[in-house]
Amino acid sequence: MQKAGASSGVYALPPRDVTAEVILARKALTELLLEKAGNSLPAQDPYLAVVFDLMATLVADLVYEKRYSDKNVWRGCVGVYMAPWLPDGKDGGTAFAELVCKHFYAIERVSLVVGPISDA
């Protein structure tokens, strides 16, 4: 890489573990939804599971790209998919999208202050 012009002081980012990111996003989405909606959602609904899998993938990408200031993209990746499942419809989906964004942004801010978590 140095022959191609890379600086010797710059290190490559570790490879992205998309599977782990999606698992963490799905877990957080589930917990946040249970907090918001309580037991009013069917826990074993196969359609909701598919929606959560899709949203978790989208959220993992948004978090990786640090797109916390773009509320419209969060509404499009979370809010529109959750709206049919929430009693408030579109407004509930928008509120849930904002809650998810704030949750992950808070984690990002803490990691900037504390630093990356290592296994050492």
PDB file of N, CA and C in Angstrom:
ATOM      1  N   MET A   1       0.817  -1.186   0.000  1.00  0.00           N
ATOM      2  CA  MET A   1       0.000   0.000   0.000  1.00  0.00           C
ATOM      3  C   MET A   1       0.867   1.259   0.000  1.00  0.00           C
ATOM      4  N   GLN A   2       2.016   1.177   0.646  1.00  0.00           N
ATOM      5  CA  GLN A   2       2.858   2.365   0.690  1.00  0.00           C
ATOM      6  C   GLN A   2       3.372   2.729  -0.696  1.00  0.00           C
ATOM      7  N   LYS A   3       3.603   1.744  -1.541  1.00  0.00           N
ATOM      8  CA  LYS A   3       4.025   2.025  -2.910  1.00  0.00           C
ATOM      9  C   LYS A   3       2.935   2.784  -3.667  1.00  0.00           C
ATOM     10  N   ALA A   4       1.696   2.544  -3.295  1.00  0.00           N
ATOM     11  CA  ALA A   4       0.579   3.212  -3.962  1.00  0.00           C
ATOM     12  C   ALA A   4       0.344   4.613  -3.404  1.00  0.00           C
ATOM     13  N   GLY A   5       1.100   4.985  -2.378  1.00  0.00           N
ATOM     14  CA  GLY A   5       0.984   6.339  -1.846  1.00  0.00           C
ATOM     15  C   GLY A   5       0.386   6.425  -0.464  1.00  0.00           C
ATOM     16  N   ALA A   6       0.130   5.297   0.174  1.00  0.00           N
ATOM     17  CA  ALA A   6      -0.431   5.327   1.516  1.00  0.00           C
ATOM     18  C   ALA A   6       0.621   5.792   2.512  1.00  0.00           C
ATOM     19  N   SER A   7       0.177   6.504   3.504  1.00  0.00           N
ATOM     20  CA  SER A   7       1.076   7.001   4.542  1.00  0.00           C
ATOM     21  C   SER A   7       1.426   5.870   5.489  1.00  0.00           C
ATOM     22  N   SER A   8       2.660   5.880   5.984  1.00  0.00           N
ATOM     23  CA  SER A   8       3.067   4.827   6.909  1.00  0.00           C
ATOM     24  C   SER A   8       2.434   5.025   8.281  1.00  0.00           C
ATOM     25  N   GLY A   9       1.931   6.224   8.568  1.00  0.00           N
ATOM     26  CA  GLY A   9       1.317   6.501   9.862  1.00  0.00           C
ATOM     27  C   GLY A   9      -0.170   6.213   9.908  1.00  0.00           C
ATOM     28  N   VAL A  10      -0.750   5.815   8.808  1.00  0.00           N
ATOM     29  CA  VAL A  10      -2.180   5.553   8.756  1.00  0.00           C
ATOM     30  C   VAL A  10      -2.401   4.047   8.754  1.00  0.00           C
ATOM     31  N   TYR A  11      -3.278   3.604   9.625  1.00  0.00           N
ATOM     32  CA  TYR A  11      -3.565   2.180   9.724  1.00  0.00           C
ATOM     33  C   TYR A  11      -4.936   1.892   9.126  1.00  0.00           C
ATOM     34  N   ALA A  12      -5.056   0.753   8.516  1.00  0.00           N
ATOM     35  CA  ALA A  12      -6.329   0.346   7.923  1.00  0.00           C
ATOM     36  C   ALA A  12      -7.328   0.050   9.036  1.00  0.00           C
ATOM     37  N   LEU A  13      -8.572   0.369   8.769  1.00  0.00           N
ATOM     38  CA  LEU A  13      -9.624   0.043   9.720  1.00  0.00           C
ATOM     39  C   LEU A  13      -9.790  -1.463   9.785  1.00  0.00           C
ATOM     40  N   PRO A  14     -10.167  -1.974  10.948  1.00  0.00           N
ATOM     41  CA  PRO A  14     -10.418  -3.410  11.018  1.00  0.00           C
ATOM     42  C   PRO A  14     -11.603  -3.761  10.129  1.00  0.00           C
ATOM     43  N   PRO A  15     -11.655  -4.988   9.663  1.00  0.00           N
ATOM     44  CA  PRO A  15     -12.793  -5.370   8.815  1.00  0.00           C
ATOM     45  C   PRO A  15     -14.097  -5.231   9.594  1.00  0.00           C
ATOM     46  N   ARG A  16     -15.120  -4.853   8.887  1.00  0.00           N
ATOM     47  CA  ARG A  16     -16.438  -4.645   9.499  1.00  0.00           C
ATOM     48  C   ARG A  16     -17.108  -5.982   9.736  1.00  0.00           C
ATOM     49  N   ASP A  17     -17.651  -6.173  10.933  1.00  0.00           N
ATOM     50  CA  ASP A  17     -18.388  -7.380  11.275  1.00  0.00           C
ATOM     51  C   ASP A  17     -19.881  -7.067  11.165  1.00  0.00           C
ATOM     52  N   VAL A  18     -20.389  -7.151   9.959  1.00  0.00           N
ATOM     53  CA  VAL A  18     -21.771  -6.770   9.683  1.00  0.00           C
ATOM     54  C   VAL A  18     -22.750  -7.646  10.470  1.00  0.00           C
ATOM     55  N   THR A  19     -22.466  -8.912  10.564  1.00  0.00           N
ATOM     56  CA  THR A  19     -23.370  -9.822  11.282  1.00  0.00           C
ATOM     57  C   THR A  19     -23.527  -9.393  12.734  1.00  0.00           C
ATOM     58  N   ALA A  20     -22.428  -9.090  13.400  1.00  0.00           N
ATOM     59  CA  ALA A  20     -22.488  -8.650  14.803  1.00  0.00           C
ATOM     60  C   ALA A  20     -23.217  -7.320  14.924  1.00  0.00           C
ATOM     61  N   GLU A  21     -22.972  -6.418  13.977  1.00  0.00           N
ATOM     62  CA  GLU A  21     -23.645  -5.119  14.006  1.00  0.00           C
ATOM     63  C   GLU A  21     -25.154  -5.276  13.854  1.00  0.00           C
ATOM     64  N   VAL A  22     -25.577  -6.158  12.966  1.00  0.00           N
ATOM     65  CA  VAL A  22     -27.006  -6.378  12.742  1.00  0.00           C
ATOM     66  C   VAL A  22     -27.635  -7.026  13.976  1.00  0.00           C
ATOM     67  N   ILE A  23     -26.944  -7.955  14.591  1.00  0.00           N
ATOM     68  CA  ILE A  23     -27.462  -8.604  15.809  1.00  0.00           C
ATOM     69  C   ILE A  23     -27.650  -7.575  16.916  1.00  0.00           C
ATOM     70  N   LEU A  24     -26.653  -6.708  17.103  1.00  0.00           N
ATOM     71  CA  LEU A  24     -26.762  -5.667  18.132  1.00  0.00           C
ATOM     72  C   LEU A  24     -27.893  -4.683  17.812  1.00  0.00           C
ATOM     73  N   ALA A  25     -28.029  -4.322  16.553  1.00  0.00           N
ATOM     74  CA  ALA A  25     -29.092  -3.401  16.154  1.00  0.00           C
ATOM     75  C   ALA A  25     -30.459  -4.034  16.390  1.00  0.00           C
ATOM     76  N   ARG A  26     -30.595  -5.313  16.053  1.00  0.00           N
ATOM     77  CA  ARG A  26     -31.886  -5.992  16.236  1.00  0.00           C
ATOM     78  C   ARG A  26     -32.252  -6.086  17.708  1.00  0.00           C
ATOM     79  N   LYS A  27     -31.260  -6.371  18.529  1.00  0.00           N
ATOM     80  CA  LYS A  27     -31.498  -6.455  19.976  1.00  0.00           C
ATOM     81  C   LYS A  27     -31.961  -5.100  20.512  1.00  0.00           C
ATOM     82  N   ALA A  28     -31.292  -4.037  20.104  1.00  0.00           N
ATOM     83  CA  ALA A  28     -31.666  -2.700  20.559  1.00  0.00           C
ATOM     84  C   ALA A  28     -33.062  -2.322  20.055  1.00  0.00           C
ATOM     85  N   LEU A  29     -33.353  -2.623  18.804  1.00  0.00           N
ATOM     86  CA  LEU A  29     -34.684  -2.329  18.251  1.00  0.00           C
ATOM     87  C   LEU A  29     -35.765  -3.046  19.047  1.00  0.00           C
ATOM     88  N   THR A  30     -35.530  -4.304  19.358  1.00  0.00           N
ATOM     89  CA  THR A  30     -36.503  -5.088  20.126  1.00  0.00           C
ATOM     90  C   THR A  30     -36.728  -4.476  21.496  1.00  0.00           C
ATOM     91  N   GLU A  31     -35.639  -4.151  22.180  1.00  0.00           N
ATOM     92  CA  GLU A  31     -35.753  -3.572  23.519  1.00  0.00           C
ATOM     93  C   GLU A  31     -36.461  -2.223  23.489  1.00  0.00           C
ATOM     94  N   LEU A  32     -36.125  -1.386  22.514  1.00  0.00           N
ATOM     95  CA  LEU A  32     -36.755  -0.070  22.409  1.00  0.00           C
ATOM     96  C   LEU A  32     -38.239  -0.194  22.085  1.00  0.00           C
ATOM     97  N   LEU A  33     -38.583  -1.143  21.230  1.00  0.00           N
ATOM     98  CA  LEU A  33     -39.993  -1.325  20.885  1.00  0.00           C
ATOM     99  C   LEU A  33     -40.782  -1.847  22.081  1.00  0.00           C
ATOM    100  N   LEU A  34     -40.206  -2.765  22.826  1.00  0.00           N
ATOM    101  CA  LEU A  34     -40.889  -3.273  24.022  1.00  0.00           C
ATOM    102  C   LEU A  34     -41.070  -2.158  25.046  1.00  0.00           C
ATOM    103  N   GLU A  35     -40.084  -1.287  25.151  1.00  0.00           N
ATOM    104  CA  GLU A  35     -40.194  -0.124  26.037  1.00  0.00           C
ATOM    105  C   GLU A  35     -41.342   0.775  25.605  1.00  0.00           C
ATOM    106  N   LYS A  36     -41.422   1.011  24.305  1.00  0.00           N
ATOM    107  CA  LYS A  36     -42.413   1.948  23.765  1.00  0.00           C
ATOM    108  C   LYS A  36     -43.819   1.352  23.728  1.00  0.00           C
ATOM    109  N   ALA A  37     -43.935   0.141  23.226  1.00  0.00           N
ATOM    110  CA  ALA A  37     -45.255  -0.439  22.981  1.00  0.00           C
ATOM    111  C   ALA A  37     -45.697  -1.423  24.051  1.00  0.00           C
ATOM    112  N   GLY A  38     -44.775  -1.843  24.895  1.00  0.00           N
ATOM    113  CA  GLY A  38     -45.142  -2.815  25.920  1.00  0.00           C
ATOM    114  C   GLY A  38     -45.537  -4.134  25.314  1.00  0.00           C
ATOM    115  N   ASN A  39     -46.571  -4.725  25.839  1.00  0.00           N
ATOM    116  CA  ASN A  39     -47.020  -6.038  25.369  1.00  0.00           C
ATOM    117  C   ASN A  39     -48.112  -5.944  24.323  1.00  0.00           C
ATOM    118  N   SER A  40     -48.289  -4.786  23.707  1.00  0.00           N
ATOM    119  CA  SER A  40     -49.373  -4.635  22.741  1.00  0.00           C
ATOM    120  C   SER A  40     -49.032  -5.205  21.366  1.00  0.00           C
ATOM    121  N   LEU A  41     -47.803  -5.652  21.169  1.00  0.00           N
ATOM    122  CA  LEU A  41     -47.407  -6.233  19.887  1.00  0.00           C
ATOM    123  C   LEU A  41     -47.345  -7.749  19.994  1.00  0.00           C
ATOM    124  N   PRO A  42     -47.740  -8.440  18.940  1.00  0.00           N
ATOM    125  CA  PRO A  42     -47.641  -9.898  18.952  1.00  0.00           C
ATOM    126  C   PRO A  42     -46.171 -10.333  18.900  1.00  0.00           C
ATOM    127  N   ALA A  43     -45.712 -11.028  19.907  1.00  0.00           N
ATOM    128  CA  ALA A  43     -44.291 -11.371  20.028  1.00  0.00           C
ATOM    129  C   ALA A  43     -43.822 -12.352  18.964  1.00  0.00           C
ATOM    130  N   GLN A  44     -44.674 -13.255  18.539  1.00  0.00           N
ATOM    131  CA  GLN A  44     -44.262 -14.305  17.606  1.00  0.00           C
ATOM    132  C   GLN A  44     -44.737 -14.061  16.181  1.00  0.00           C
ATOM    133  N   ASP A  45     -45.092 -12.843  15.848  1.00  0.00           N
ATOM    134  CA  ASP A  45     -45.584 -12.545  14.513  1.00  0.00           C
ATOM    135  C   ASP A  45     -44.449 -12.683  13.492  1.00  0.00           C
ATOM    136  N   PRO A  46     -44.570 -13.603  12.522  1.00  0.00           N
ATOM    137  CA  PRO A  46     -43.477 -13.803  11.555  1.00  0.00           C
ATOM    138  C   PRO A  46     -43.234 -12.589  10.666  1.00  0.00           C
ATOM    139  N   TYR A  47     -44.266 -11.797  10.405  1.00  0.00           N
ATOM    140  CA  TYR A  47     -44.094 -10.610   9.583  1.00  0.00           C
ATOM    141  C   TYR A  47     -43.290  -9.545  10.327  1.00  0.00           C
ATOM    142  N   LEU A  48     -43.545  -9.414  11.607  1.00  0.00           N
ATOM    143  CA  LEU A  48     -42.792  -8.461  12.412  1.00  0.00           C
ATOM    144  C   LEU A  48     -41.325  -8.876  12.493  1.00  0.00           C
ATOM    145  N   ALA A  49     -41.069 -10.162  12.543  1.00  0.00           N
ATOM    146  CA  ALA A  49     -39.680 -10.654  12.566  1.00  0.00           C
ATOM    147  C   ALA A  49     -38.950 -10.269  11.280  1.00  0.00           C
ATOM    148  N   VAL A  50     -39.623 -10.358  10.158  1.00  0.00           N
ATOM    149  CA  VAL A  50     -39.018  -9.971   8.875  1.00  0.00           C
ATOM    150  C   VAL A  50     -38.742  -8.474   8.860  1.00  0.00           C
ATOM    151  N   VAL A  51     -39.692  -7.695   9.351  1.00  0.00           N
ATOM    152  CA  VAL A  51     -39.514  -6.239   9.419  1.00  0.00           C
ATOM    153  C   VAL A  51     -38.313  -5.907  10.300  1.00  0.00           C
ATOM    154  N   PHE A  52     -38.189  -6.593  11.429  1.00  0.00           N
ATOM    155  CA  PHE A  52     -37.062  -6.333  12.331  1.00  0.00           C
ATOM    156  C   PHE A  52     -35.732  -6.708  11.698  1.00  0.00           C
ATOM    157  N   ASP A  53     -35.699  -7.797  10.957  1.00  0.00           N
ATOM    158  CA  ASP A  53     -34.455  -8.179  10.277  1.00  0.00           C
ATOM    159  C   ASP A  53     -34.032  -7.106   9.273  1.00  0.00           C
ATOM    160  N   LEU A  54     -34.994  -6.602   8.507  1.00  0.00           N
ATOM    161  CA  LEU A  54     -34.696  -5.554   7.537  1.00  0.00           C
ATOM    162  C   LEU A  54     -34.238  -4.277   8.240  1.00  0.00           C
ATOM    163  N   MET A  55     -34.992  -3.844   9.240  1.00  0.00           N
ATOM    164  CA  MET A  55     -34.635  -2.612   9.952  1.00  0.00           C
ATOM    165  C   MET A  55     -33.271  -2.724  10.623  1.00  0.00           C
ATOM    166  N   ALA A  56     -32.967  -3.878  11.193  1.00  0.00           N
ATOM    167  CA  ALA A  56     -31.679  -4.055  11.868  1.00  0.00           C
ATOM    168  C   ALA A  56     -30.524  -3.890  10.891  1.00  0.00           C
ATOM    169  N   THR A  57     -30.689  -4.403   9.690  1.00  0.00           N
ATOM    170  CA  THR A  57     -29.655  -4.249   8.663  1.00  0.00           C
ATOM    171  C   THR A  57     -29.493  -2.781   8.280  1.00  0.00           C
ATOM    172  N   LEU A  58     -30.604  -2.092   8.094  1.00  0.00           N
ATOM    173  CA  LEU A  58     -30.556  -0.679   7.740  1.00  0.00           C
ATOM    174  C   LEU A  58     -29.965   0.165   8.866  1.00  0.00           C
ATOM    175  N   VAL A  59     -30.374  -0.120  10.089  1.00  0.00           N
ATOM    176  CA  VAL A  59     -29.855   0.626  11.245  1.00  0.00           C
ATOM    177  C   VAL A  59     -28.356   0.383  11.413  1.00  0.00           C
ATOM    178  N   ALA A  60     -27.911  -0.840  11.235  1.00  0.00           N
ATOM    179  CA  ALA A  60     -26.476  -1.133  11.345  1.00  0.00           C
ATOM    180  C   ALA A  60     -25.682  -0.295  10.350  1.00  0.00           C
ATOM    181  N   ASP A  61     -26.202  -0.150   9.140  1.00  0.00           N
ATOM    182  CA  ASP A  61     -25.528   0.687   8.135  1.00  0.00           C
ATOM    183  C   ASP A  61     -25.540   2.159   8.531  1.00  0.00           C
ATOM    184  N   LEU A  62     -26.666   2.644   9.031  1.00  0.00           N
ATOM    185  CA  LEU A  62     -26.753   4.050   9.439  1.00  0.00           C
ATOM    186  C   LEU A  62     -25.788   4.358  10.582  1.00  0.00           C
ATOM    187  N   VAL A  63     -25.685   3.431  11.512  1.00  0.00           N
ATOM    188  CA  VAL A  63     -24.775   3.626  12.649  1.00  0.00           C
ATOM    189  C   VAL A  63     -23.331   3.580  12.165  1.00  0.00           C
ATOM    190  N   TYR A  64     -23.015   2.650  11.289  1.00  0.00           N
ATOM    191  CA  TYR A  64     -21.659   2.545  10.749  1.00  0.00           C
ATOM    192  C   TYR A  64     -21.259   3.823  10.016  1.00  0.00           C
ATOM    193  N   GLU A  65     -22.222   4.392   9.286  1.00  0.00           N
ATOM    194  CA  GLU A  65     -21.964   5.620   8.518  1.00  0.00           C
ATOM    195  C   GLU A  65     -22.127   6.883   9.367  1.00  0.00           C
ATOM    196  N   LYS A  66     -22.556   6.720  10.622  1.00  0.00           N
ATOM    197  CA  LYS A  66     -22.744   7.837  11.566  1.00  0.00           C
ATOM    198  C   LYS A  66     -23.692   8.906  11.007  1.00  0.00           C
ATOM    199  N   ARG A  67     -24.833   8.475  10.525  1.00  0.00           N
ATOM    200  CA  ARG A  67     -25.812   9.386   9.907  1.00  0.00           C
ATOM    201  C   ARG A  67     -26.890   9.781  10.912  1.00  0.00           C
ATOM    202  N   TYR A  68     -26.461  10.325  12.027  1.00  0.00           N
ATOM    203  CA  TYR A  68     -27.395  10.662  13.096  1.00  0.00           C
ATOM    204  C   TYR A  68     -28.147  11.966  12.850  1.00  0.00           C
ATOM    205  N   SER A  69     -27.620  12.858  12.053  1.00  0.00           N
ATOM    206  CA  SER A  69     -28.270  14.153  11.863  1.00  0.00           C
ATOM    207  C   SER A  69     -29.333  14.128  10.769  1.00  0.00           C
ATOM    208  N   ASP A  70     -29.396  13.085   9.982  1.00  0.00           N
ATOM    209  CA  ASP A  70     -30.365  13.001   8.882  1.00  0.00           C
ATOM    210  C   ASP A  70     -31.624  12.268   9.357  1.00  0.00           C
ATOM    211  N   LYS A  71     -32.540  13.022   9.933  1.00  0.00           N
ATOM    212  CA  LYS A  71     -33.767  12.427  10.498  1.00  0.00           C
ATOM    213  C   LYS A  71     -34.638  11.771   9.429  1.00  0.00           C
ATOM    214  N   ASN A  72     -34.614  12.319   8.220  1.00  0.00           N
ATOM    215  CA  ASN A  72     -35.435  11.735   7.151  1.00  0.00           C
ATOM    216  C   ASN A  72     -34.996  10.322   6.802  1.00  0.00           C
ATOM    217  N   VAL A  73     -33.701  10.082   6.806  1.00  0.00           N
ATOM    218  CA  VAL A  73     -33.229   8.740   6.474  1.00  0.00           C
ATOM    219  C   VAL A  73     -33.607   7.747   7.577  1.00  0.00           C
ATOM    220  N   TRP A  74     -33.625   8.189   8.832  1.00  0.00           N
ATOM    221  CA  TRP A  74     -34.058   7.313   9.928  1.00  0.00           C
ATOM    222  C   TRP A  74     -35.553   7.022   9.815  1.00  0.00           C
ATOM    223  N   ARG A  75     -36.320   8.035   9.442  1.00  0.00           N
ATOM    224  CA  ARG A  75     -37.760   7.801   9.242  1.00  0.00           C
ATOM    225  C   ARG A  75     -37.989   6.809   8.111  1.00  0.00           C
ATOM    226  N   GLY A  76     -37.177   6.924   7.062  1.00  0.00           N
ATOM    227  CA  GLY A  76     -37.329   6.033   5.918  1.00  0.00           C
ATOM    228  C   GLY A  76     -36.841   4.624   6.179  1.00  0.00           C
ATOM    229  N   CYS A  77     -35.891   4.473   7.080  1.00  0.00           N
ATOM    230  CA  CYS A  77     -35.327   3.144   7.358  1.00  0.00           C
ATOM    231  C   CYS A  77     -35.957   2.462   8.567  1.00  0.00           C
ATOM    232  N   VAL A  78     -36.612   3.236   9.417  1.00  0.00           N
ATOM    233  CA  VAL A  78     -37.228   2.661  10.620  1.00  0.00           C
ATOM    234  C   VAL A  78     -38.708   3.029  10.702  1.00  0.00           C
ATOM    235  N   GLY A  79     -38.988   4.316  10.622  1.00  0.00           N
ATOM    236  CA  GLY A  79     -40.353   4.800  10.848  1.00  0.00           C
ATOM    237  C   GLY A  79     -41.401   4.219   9.934  1.00  0.00           C
ATOM    238  N   VAL A  80     -41.115   4.177   8.641  1.00  0.00           N
ATOM    239  CA  VAL A  80     -42.129   3.683   7.700  1.00  0.00           C
ATOM    240  C   VAL A  80     -42.403   2.192   7.886  1.00  0.00           C
ATOM    241  N   TYR A  81     -41.402   1.457   8.329  1.00  0.00           N
ATOM    242  CA  TYR A  81     -41.596   0.014   8.519  1.00  0.00           C
ATOM    243  C   TYR A  81     -42.321  -0.300   9.822  1.00  0.00           C
ATOM    244  N   MET A  82     -42.155   0.577  10.828  1.00  0.00           N
ATOM    245  CA  MET A  82     -42.800   0.334  12.111  1.00  0.00           C
ATOM    246  C   MET A  82     -44.195   0.939  12.205  1.00  0.00           C
ATOM    247  N   ALA A  83     -44.492   1.918  11.374  1.00  0.00           N
ATOM    248  CA  ALA A  83     -45.772   2.615  11.464  1.00  0.00           C
ATOM    249  C   ALA A  83     -46.982   1.674  11.473  1.00  0.00           C
ATOM    250  N   PRO A  84     -47.040   0.657  10.612  1.00  0.00           N
ATOM    251  CA  PRO A  84     -48.222  -0.223  10.635  1.00  0.00           C
ATOM    252  C   PRO A  84     -48.368  -1.025  11.925  1.00  0.00           C
ATOM    253  N   TRP A  85     -47.284  -1.176  12.655  1.00  0.00           N
ATOM    254  CA  TRP A  85     -47.314  -1.996  13.861  1.00  0.00           C
ATOM    255  C   TRP A  85     -47.628  -1.181  15.115  1.00  0.00           C
ATOM    256  N   LEU A  86     -47.575   0.126  15.010  1.00  0.00           N
ATOM    257  CA  LEU A  86     -47.774   0.976  16.176  1.00  0.00           C
ATOM    258  C   LEU A  86     -49.161   1.595  16.155  1.00  0.00           C
ATOM    259  N   PRO A  87     -49.754   1.777  17.335  1.00  0.00           N
ATOM    260  CA  PRO A  87     -51.114   2.310  17.384  1.00  0.00           C
ATOM    261  C   PRO A  87     -51.222   3.738  16.834  1.00  0.00           C
ATOM    262  N   ASP A  88     -50.148   4.510  16.891  1.00  0.00           N
ATOM    263  CA  ASP A  88     -50.186   5.892  16.402  1.00  0.00           C
ATOM    264  C   ASP A  88     -49.923   5.990  14.910  1.00  0.00           C
ATOM    265  N   GLY A  89     -49.702   4.867  14.245  1.00  0.00           N
ATOM    266  CA  GLY A  89     -49.471   4.866  12.804  1.00  0.00           C
ATOM    267  C   GLY A  89     -48.215   5.609  12.417  1.00  0.00           C
ATOM    268  N   LYS A  90     -48.349   6.501  11.441  1.00  0.00           N
ATOM    269  CA  LYS A  90     -47.191   7.231  10.911  1.00  0.00           C
ATOM    270  C   LYS A  90     -46.493   8.050  11.999  1.00  0.00           C
ATOM    271  N   ASP A  91     -47.259   8.709  12.851  1.00  0.00           N
ATOM    272  CA  ASP A  91     -46.662   9.501  13.932  1.00  0.00           C
ATOM    273  C   ASP A  91     -45.886   8.608  14.898  1.00  0.00           C
ATOM    274  N   GLY A  92     -46.424   7.443  15.169  1.00  0.00           N
ATOM    275  CA  GLY A  92     -45.731   6.490  16.042  1.00  0.00           C
ATOM    276  C   GLY A  92     -44.453   5.978  15.406  1.00  0.00           C
ATOM    277  N   GLY A  93     -44.502   5.741  14.102  1.00  0.00           N
ATOM    278  CA  GLY A  93     -43.300   5.303  13.393  1.00  0.00           C
ATOM    279  C   GLY A  93     -42.224   6.365  13.399  1.00  0.00           C
ATOM    280  N   THR A  94     -42.622   7.618  13.199  1.00  0.00           N
ATOM    281  CA  THR A  94     -41.668   8.721  13.235  1.00  0.00           C
ATOM    282  C   THR A  94     -41.061   8.857  14.621  1.00  0.00           C
ATOM    283  N   ALA A  95     -41.887   8.777  15.639  1.00  0.00           N
ATOM    284  CA  ALA A  95     -41.387   8.878  17.013  1.00  0.00           C
ATOM    285  C   ALA A  95     -40.446   7.724  17.338  1.00  0.00           C
ATOM    286  N   PHE A  96     -40.779   6.537  16.862  1.00  0.00           N
ATOM    287  CA  PHE A  96     -39.917   5.387  17.118  1.00  0.00           C
ATOM    288  C   PHE A  96     -38.579   5.544  16.395  1.00  0.00           C
ATOM    289  N   ALA A  97     -38.616   6.037  15.171  1.00  0.00           N
ATOM    290  CA  ALA A  97     -37.379   6.267  14.412  1.00  0.00           C
ATOM    291  C   ALA A  97     -36.481   7.260  15.139  1.00  0.00           C
ATOM    292  N   GLU A  98     -37.079   8.316  15.670  1.00  0.00           N
ATOM    293  CA  GLU A  98     -36.295   9.306  16.411  1.00  0.00           C
ATOM    294  C   GLU A  98     -35.729   8.716  17.695  1.00  0.00           C
ATOM    295  N   LEU A  99     -36.496   7.874  18.354  1.00  0.00           N
ATOM    296  CA  LEU A  99     -36.022   7.200  19.563  1.00  0.00           C
ATOM    297  C   LEU A  99     -34.823   6.307  19.253  1.00  0.00           C
ATOM    298  N   VAL A 100     -34.907   5.559  18.172  1.00  0.00           N
ATOM    299  CA  VAL A 100     -33.816   4.665  17.768  1.00  0.00           C
ATOM    300  C   VAL A 100     -32.567   5.478  17.423  1.00  0.00           C
ATOM    301  N   CYS A 101     -32.752   6.541  16.678  1.00  0.00           N
ATOM    302  CA  CYS A 101     -31.623   7.405  16.308  1.00  0.00           C
ATOM    303  C   CYS A 101     -30.955   7.971  17.561  1.00  0.00           C
ATOM    304  N   LYS A 102     -31.743   8.496  18.479  1.00  0.00           N
ATOM    305  CA  LYS A 102     -31.200   9.068  19.721  1.00  0.00           C
ATOM    306  C   LYS A 102     -30.462   8.011  20.536  1.00  0.00           C
ATOM    307  N   HIS A 103     -30.996   6.809  20.560  1.00  0.00           N
ATOM    308  CA  HIS A 103     -30.368   5.715  21.301  1.00  0.00           C
ATOM    309  C   HIS A 103     -28.964   5.429  20.766  1.00  0.00           C
ATOM    310  N   PHE A 104     -28.863   5.261  19.465  1.00  0.00           N
ATOM    311  CA  PHE A 104     -27.564   4.937  18.876  1.00  0.00           C
ATOM    312  C   PHE A 104     -26.608   6.136  18.886  1.00  0.00           C
ATOM    313  N   TYR A 105     -27.158   7.336  18.783  1.00  0.00           N
ATOM    314  CA  TYR A 105     -26.305   8.521  18.862  1.00  0.00           C
ATOM    315  C   TYR A 105     -25.726   8.667  20.271  1.00  0.00           C
ATOM    316  N   ALA A 106     -26.513   8.364  21.279  1.00  0.00           N
ATOM    317  CA  ALA A 106     -26.012   8.411  22.663  1.00  0.00           C
ATOM    318  C   ALA A 106     -24.874   7.414  22.855  1.00  0.00           C
ATOM    319  N   ILE A 107     -25.009   6.240  22.275  1.00  0.00           N
ATOM    320  CA  ILE A 107     -23.935   5.240  22.358  1.00  0.00           C
ATOM    321  C   ILE A 107     -22.692   5.760  21.655  1.00  0.00           C
ATOM    322  N   GLU A 108     -22.865   6.379  20.505  1.00  0.00           N
ATOM    323  CA  GLU A 108     -21.740   6.946  19.748  1.00  0.00           C
ATOM    324  C   GLU A 108     -21.031   8.017  20.562  1.00  0.00           C
ATOM    325  N   ARG A 109     -21.783   8.888  21.194  1.00  0.00           N
ATOM    326  CA  ARG A 109     -21.179   9.966  21.984  1.00  0.00           C
ATOM    327  C   ARG A 109     -20.402   9.409  23.164  1.00  0.00           C
ATOM    328  N   VAL A 110     -20.927   8.383  23.817  1.00  0.00           N
ATOM    329  CA  VAL A 110     -20.220   7.773  24.943  1.00  0.00           C
ATOM    330  C   VAL A 110     -18.928   7.126  24.459  1.00  0.00           C
ATOM    331  N   SER A 111     -18.972   6.454  23.321  1.00  0.00           N
ATOM    332  CA  SER A 111     -17.767   5.794  22.815  1.00  0.00           C
ATOM    333  C   SER A 111     -16.708   6.811  22.417  1.00  0.00           C
ATOM    334  N   LEU A 112     -17.112   8.013  22.002  1.00  0.00           N
ATOM    335  CA  LEU A 112     -16.139   9.059  21.678  1.00  0.00           C
ATOM    336  C   LEU A 112     -15.454   9.578  22.933  1.00  0.00           C
ATOM    337  N   VAL A 113     -16.190   9.654  24.029  1.00  0.00           N
ATOM    338  CA  VAL A 113     -15.637  10.155  25.292  1.00  0.00           C
ATOM    339  C   VAL A 113     -14.779   9.093  25.963  1.00  0.00           C
ATOM    340  N   VAL A 114     -15.299   7.877  26.028  1.00  0.00           N
ATOM    341  CA  VAL A 114     -14.613   6.792  26.734  1.00  0.00           C
ATOM    342  C   VAL A 114     -13.538   6.170  25.868  1.00  0.00           C
ATOM    343  N   GLY A 115     -13.780   6.093  24.576  1.00  0.00           N
ATOM    344  CA  GLY A 115     -12.845   5.437  23.664  1.00  0.00           C
ATOM    345  C   GLY A 115     -13.375   4.080  23.281  1.00  0.00           C
ATOM    346  N   PRO A 116     -12.751   3.476  22.286  1.00  0.00           N
ATOM    347  CA  PRO A 116     -13.229   2.170  21.829  1.00  0.00           C
ATOM    348  C   PRO A 116     -13.046   1.107  22.905  1.00  0.00           C
ATOM    349  N   ILE A 117     -13.965   0.180  22.919  1.00  0.00           N
ATOM    350  CA  ILE A 117     -13.889  -0.936  23.845  1.00  0.00           C
ATOM    351  C   ILE A 117     -12.969  -1.978  23.265  1.00  0.00           C
ATOM    352  N   SER A 118     -12.005  -2.420  24.064  1.00  0.00           N
ATOM    353  CA  SER A 118     -11.061  -3.429  23.576  1.00  0.00           C
ATOM    354  C   SER A 118     -11.132  -4.668  24.456  1.00  0.00           C
ATOM    355  N   ASP A 119     -10.615  -5.751  23.940  1.00  0.00           N
ATOM    356  CA  ASP A 119     -10.599  -7.003  24.686  1.00  0.00           C
ATOM    357  C   ASP A 119      -9.371  -7.115  25.566  1.00  0.00           C
ATOM    358  N   ALA A 120      -8.500  -6.145  25.555  1.00  0.00           N
ATOM    359  CA  ALA A 120      -7.240  -6.217  26.295  1.00  0.00           C
ATOM    360  C   ALA A 120      -7.434  -6.153  27.779  1.00  0.00           C
TER     361      ALA A 120
END
